[in-house]
Amino acid sequence: MTINSATFISASVSKQNFPTKLLPEFAFIGRSNVGKSSLINMLANKKRLAKTSSKPGKTLTINHFLINNSLYFVDLPGYGYAGISKKMKKIRDEMLASYLLERKNLICLFVLIDIRLKPQAVDIEFMEWLAIRKVPFVIVFTKIDKISVSVVTKNIELYKENMLSKWKKLPQIFLTSAVSRAGREDILNFINKIL
C-alpha cells in the first residue's frame, strides 16, 4: 500500500462529531506517551500530521485523518496514566469505550506497547477487555530502536508467556520504530491485505 495523501479531518469529543463519511477506520491506541502520533506520522510519511508531545495525556480527542481519500487513521487518547483530573479521565474512558464498541466501520485497532518495558498490567487488562468484547486488534511494539535486539526478543517472549497463560491464540504482532521507520511496510501491507 502506498500513501499518496493524508489530511487531518476532525478532532472529536463525542460520536456526534465523528466524520459522517463512513470509510474503513484503522485506529491506534496505547498507554499515554507510547508513540501513537509518531507512528501515524511515520506510516503517513508526514512529520506533523498528528501532534506529538512528551507530556503524557496530550491527546484528549479522537482524531481522524483521511488517507488516500479511501480510509481513516484514527488517533485515540491514551489509556492509563495521564496528567489529567479524575473527571477528565472518566470522560476520556467513556469516549473511548463508546468509539471502540459502537463504531461500525472500525476495521482494526492497533494496540501500541513500549517494547522497553516488561509486561504491564494495564496493557494486558486492556487487551483482555478488547478480546472479551470481540474488538479486532493487533499488537504493535514501539521504540525497538531504543534497546538491543536481544532485549526486544526477550520482552516479546515475556508478553507471549504472560498472555498465553489465559489466551489460546495471540493477536498478530508488529515491531516498529518511528525513528528508523521499521515496521512501516509490514503494517501498510497488513492494512492493504485487510482492505
Foldseek 3Di string as FASTA:
>chain_A
DDWDDKAWDDWALAPVGDDPPQAAEEEEEEAFPLQQQLLVCLLNVHRPRDDDDNAGFPRLTWIWMQTPVHYTYIYATYADDHPDDPVSNVSSVVRVCCCQQPRPRHDEYEYEDALQDADDPVSLVVVVVCVVSVRHYAYEHEDPVVDDPVSSVVRVVRVVVVNVVPDPDHHHYFYAYSVVSGRSVVVVVVVVVSD
